[in-house]
């Protein structure tokens, strides 16, 4: 085993949702609106929390098992109406990432949030100049905890696993790292 002083951290990779970006409050409201419109019982906060780490479409189907096209369309119509109403980065995030960059760390995002949501949120966050590699889930990718996405990010940043810190909020992030 290597001595920890022999390893130099060169990069920090972040999860997006509930790590840098607060999607929880808006998601709870959108799930309740979707349930009301489609005639389903409103999910409890506890149930949403337990199922939150599922890939998004699986998450929706878990609570609303009907026609998934209608479910997604309903959720998305509300999402597009409210997501831009306020800044959703957690306090201090831009300053933290700027400090990492000022100290020569490479930075990235690896998120299971679908690109259709994640890319516009990332652009709205104004972190673009501070993040070297933002990666949001796309068709054909393996979701976390599969480590392929993290390995691809590390390869693009030209770093080894020993030189990388992965920060996330769920068991899927921990297993991936």
Protein backbone atom coordinates (compact mmCIF):
# COMPACT_ATOMS: atom_id res chain seq x y z
CA UNK A 1 0.00 0.00 0.00
CA UNK A 2 1.28 3.44 -0.90
CA UNK A 3 1.98 6.04 1.72
CA UNK A 4 -0.66 8.78 1.47
CA UNK A 5 2.09 11.40 1.17
CA UNK A 6 3.24 9.76 -2.08
CA UNK A 7 -0.04 10.56 -3.81
CA UNK A 8 -0.81 14.00 -5.12
CA UNK A 9 -4.45 14.84 -5.70
CA UNK A 10 -4.86 16.43 -9.14
CA UNK A 11 -8.61 16.42 -9.80
CA UNK A 12 -11.99 16.59 -8.12
CA UNK A 13 -15.03 15.04 -9.81
CA UNK A 14 -18.46 15.99 -8.47
CA UNK A 15 -21.88 14.48 -8.79
CA UNK A 16 -24.42 17.14 -9.84
CA UNK A 17 -27.79 16.60 -8.14
CA UNK A 18 -27.78 17.15 -4.38
CA UNK A 19 -24.02 17.69 -4.45
CA UNK A 20 -23.64 20.95 -6.38
CA UNK A 21 -27.23 21.60 -7.53
CA UNK A 22 -30.31 21.52 -5.28
CA UNK A 23 -32.89 19.69 -7.33
CA UNK A 24 -34.67 18.22 -4.31
CA UNK A 25 -37.16 21.01 -3.56
CA UNK A 26 -38.26 21.45 -7.15
CA UNK A 27 -38.44 17.68 -7.69
CA UNK A 28 -40.78 17.21 -4.72
CA UNK A 29 -43.08 19.94 -6.03
CA UNK A 30 -43.01 18.55 -9.59
CA UNK A 31 -43.76 15.02 -8.41
CA UNK A 32 -46.74 16.30 -6.42
CA UNK A 33 -48.04 18.30 -9.40
CA UNK A 34 -47.58 15.31 -11.72
CA UNK A 35 -49.41 13.02 -9.27
CA UNK A 36 -52.29 15.48 -8.97
CA UNK A 37 -52.71 15.94 -12.73
CA UNK A 38 -52.46 12.21 -13.50
CA UNK A 39 -54.63 11.09 -10.58
CA UNK A 40 -51.98 9.26 -8.57
CA UNK A 41 -51.44 9.56 -4.81
CA UNK A 42 -48.83 12.16 -3.93
CA UNK A 43 -45.51 10.51 -3.06
CA UNK A 44 -44.27 11.04 0.47
CA UNK A 45 -40.99 12.84 1.04
CA UNK A 46 -39.61 9.66 2.62
CA UNK A 47 -40.57 7.52 -0.39
CA UNK A 48 -39.07 10.05 -2.79
CA UNK A 49 -35.86 10.02 -0.78
CA UNK A 50 -35.59 6.24 -0.82
CA UNK A 51 -36.15 6.05 -4.58
CA UNK A 52 -34.29 9.23 -5.59
CA UNK A 53 -31.06 7.56 -6.66
CA UNK A 54 -32.81 5.49 -9.35
CA UNK A 55 -32.22 6.64 -12.93
CA UNK A 56 -34.83 9.34 -13.63
CA UNK A 57 -37.20 7.44 -15.90
CA UNK A 58 -37.16 4.43 -13.57
CA UNK A 59 -37.88 6.83 -10.71
CA UNK A 60 -40.91 8.27 -12.50
CA UNK A 61 -42.19 4.82 -13.44
CA UNK A 62 -41.85 3.64 -9.84
CA UNK A 63 -44.35 6.28 -8.67
CA UNK A 64 -46.45 6.63 -11.82
CA UNK A 65 -46.70 3.21 -13.54
CA UNK A 66 -48.95 4.29 -16.42
CA UNK A 67 -48.10 5.56 -19.91
CA UNK A 68 -44.54 6.82 -19.43
CA UNK A 69 -44.73 9.20 -22.38
CA UNK A 70 -47.63 11.04 -20.71
CA UNK A 71 -45.92 10.92 -17.31
CA UNK A 72 -42.69 12.38 -18.71
CA UNK A 73 -44.52 15.02 -20.74
CA UNK A 74 -46.50 16.12 -17.68
CA UNK A 75 -43.45 16.31 -15.41
CA UNK A 76 -41.36 18.10 -18.04
CA UNK A 77 -44.02 20.72 -18.77
CA UNK A 78 -43.93 21.79 -15.12
CA UNK A 79 -40.14 21.47 -14.95
CA UNK A 80 -39.57 23.86 -17.85
CA UNK A 81 -41.95 26.38 -16.29
CA UNK A 82 -40.19 26.61 -12.92
CA UNK A 83 -36.57 25.43 -13.06
CA UNK A 84 -35.18 28.83 -14.07
CA UNK A 85 -37.03 30.83 -11.42
CA UNK A 86 -34.13 30.77 -8.97
CA UNK A 87 -30.47 29.83 -8.69
CA UNK A 88 -30.19 26.25 -7.45
CA UNK A 89 -26.46 25.92 -6.81
CA UNK A 90 -25.78 25.34 -3.14
CA UNK A 91 -24.24 28.35 -1.39
CA UNK A 92 -20.47 28.55 -1.75
CA UNK A 93 -20.18 26.16 -4.70
CA UNK A 94 -18.85 28.68 -7.26
CA UNK A 95 -16.28 29.93 -4.76
CA UNK A 96 -15.20 26.38 -3.87
CA UNK A 97 -14.69 25.36 -7.48
CA UNK A 98 -12.90 28.62 -8.31
CA UNK A 99 -10.55 27.98 -5.40
CA UNK A 100 -9.85 24.47 -6.70
CA UNK A 101 -9.09 25.88 -10.16
CA UNK A 102 -6.89 28.63 -8.68
CA UNK A 103 -4.89 25.85 -7.02
CA UNK A 104 -4.43 23.98 -10.33
CA UNK A 105 -6.93 21.18 -9.70
CA UNK A 106 -8.82 19.78 -12.66
CA UNK A 107 -12.57 19.59 -12.15
CA UNK A 108 -15.38 17.54 -13.62
CA UNK A 109 -18.98 16.54 -13.15
CA UNK A 110 -20.22 12.98 -13.55
CA UNK A 111 -23.98 12.78 -13.17
CA UNK A 112 -26.70 10.25 -13.84
CA UNK A 113 -29.01 13.18 -14.52
CA UNK A 114 -30.15 12.96 -18.12
CA UNK A 115 -28.52 15.43 -20.50
CA UNK A 116 -31.90 17.00 -21.33
CA UNK A 117 -31.99 18.33 -17.73
CA UNK A 118 -28.35 18.50 -16.74
CA UNK A 119 -26.82 20.43 -19.62
CA UNK A 120 -29.25 23.39 -19.42
CA UNK A 121 -28.95 23.47 -15.62
CA UNK A 122 -25.16 23.42 -15.88
CA UNK A 123 -25.22 26.25 -18.42
CA UNK A 124 -27.58 28.24 -16.19
CA UNK A 125 -25.27 27.68 -13.20
CA UNK A 126 -22.48 29.66 -14.88
CA UNK A 127 -19.90 27.08 -13.80
CA UNK A 128 -18.88 26.43 -17.41
CA UNK A 129 -15.51 28.15 -17.21
CA UNK A 130 -14.66 26.37 -13.95
CA UNK A 131 -15.49 22.77 -14.87
CA UNK A 132 -13.09 21.02 -17.24
CA UNK A 133 -15.43 18.15 -18.12
CA UNK A 134 -19.17 18.04 -17.42
CA UNK A 135 -20.73 14.63 -18.17
CA UNK A 136 -24.47 14.04 -17.90
CA UNK A 137 -26.21 10.74 -18.60
CA UNK A 138 -26.94 9.91 -22.24
CA UNK A 139 -28.38 6.88 -24.00
CA UNK A 140 -25.74 4.19 -24.30
CA UNK A 141 -23.95 5.17 -21.09
CA UNK A 142 -23.87 2.96 -18.02
CA UNK A 143 -25.38 4.53 -14.92
CA UNK A 144 -23.49 4.67 -11.65
CA UNK A 145 -22.39 2.61 -9.78
CA UNK A 146 -20.81 1.24 -12.98
CA UNK A 147 -17.35 2.87 -12.92
CA UNK A 148 -17.04 3.27 -16.72
CA UNK A 149 -18.20 6.90 -16.66
CA UNK A 150 -15.75 7.85 -13.92
CA UNK A 151 -12.93 6.01 -15.68
CA UNK A 152 -13.73 7.91 -18.91
CA UNK A 153 -13.68 11.22 -17.03
CA UNK A 154 -10.33 10.40 -15.41
CA UNK A 155 -8.89 9.40 -18.78
CA UNK A 156 -10.04 12.69 -20.34
CA UNK A 157 -8.44 14.61 -17.44
CA UNK A 158 -5.27 12.52 -17.83
CA UNK A 159 -5.24 11.40 -14.20
CA UNK A 160 -5.10 8.09 -12.35
CA UNK A 161 -7.67 6.92 -9.78
CA UNK A 162 -5.17 7.70 -7.02
CA UNK A 163 -5.05 11.32 -8.17
CA UNK A 164 -8.83 11.79 -8.18
CA UNK A 165 -11.39 12.58 -5.50
CA UNK A 166 -15.03 11.80 -6.40
CA UNK A 167 -17.64 13.66 -4.34
CA UNK A 168 -21.28 12.60 -4.37
CA UNK A 169 -24.34 12.17 -2.21
CA UNK A 170 -25.56 8.61 -2.72
CA UNK A 171 -24.52 4.99 -2.30
CA UNK A 172 -24.31 4.79 -6.10
CA UNK A 173 -21.58 7.47 -6.05
CA UNK A 174 -19.68 5.67 -3.30
CA UNK A 175 -19.86 2.33 -5.13
CA UNK A 176 -18.75 4.01 -8.37
CA UNK A 177 -15.70 5.57 -6.71
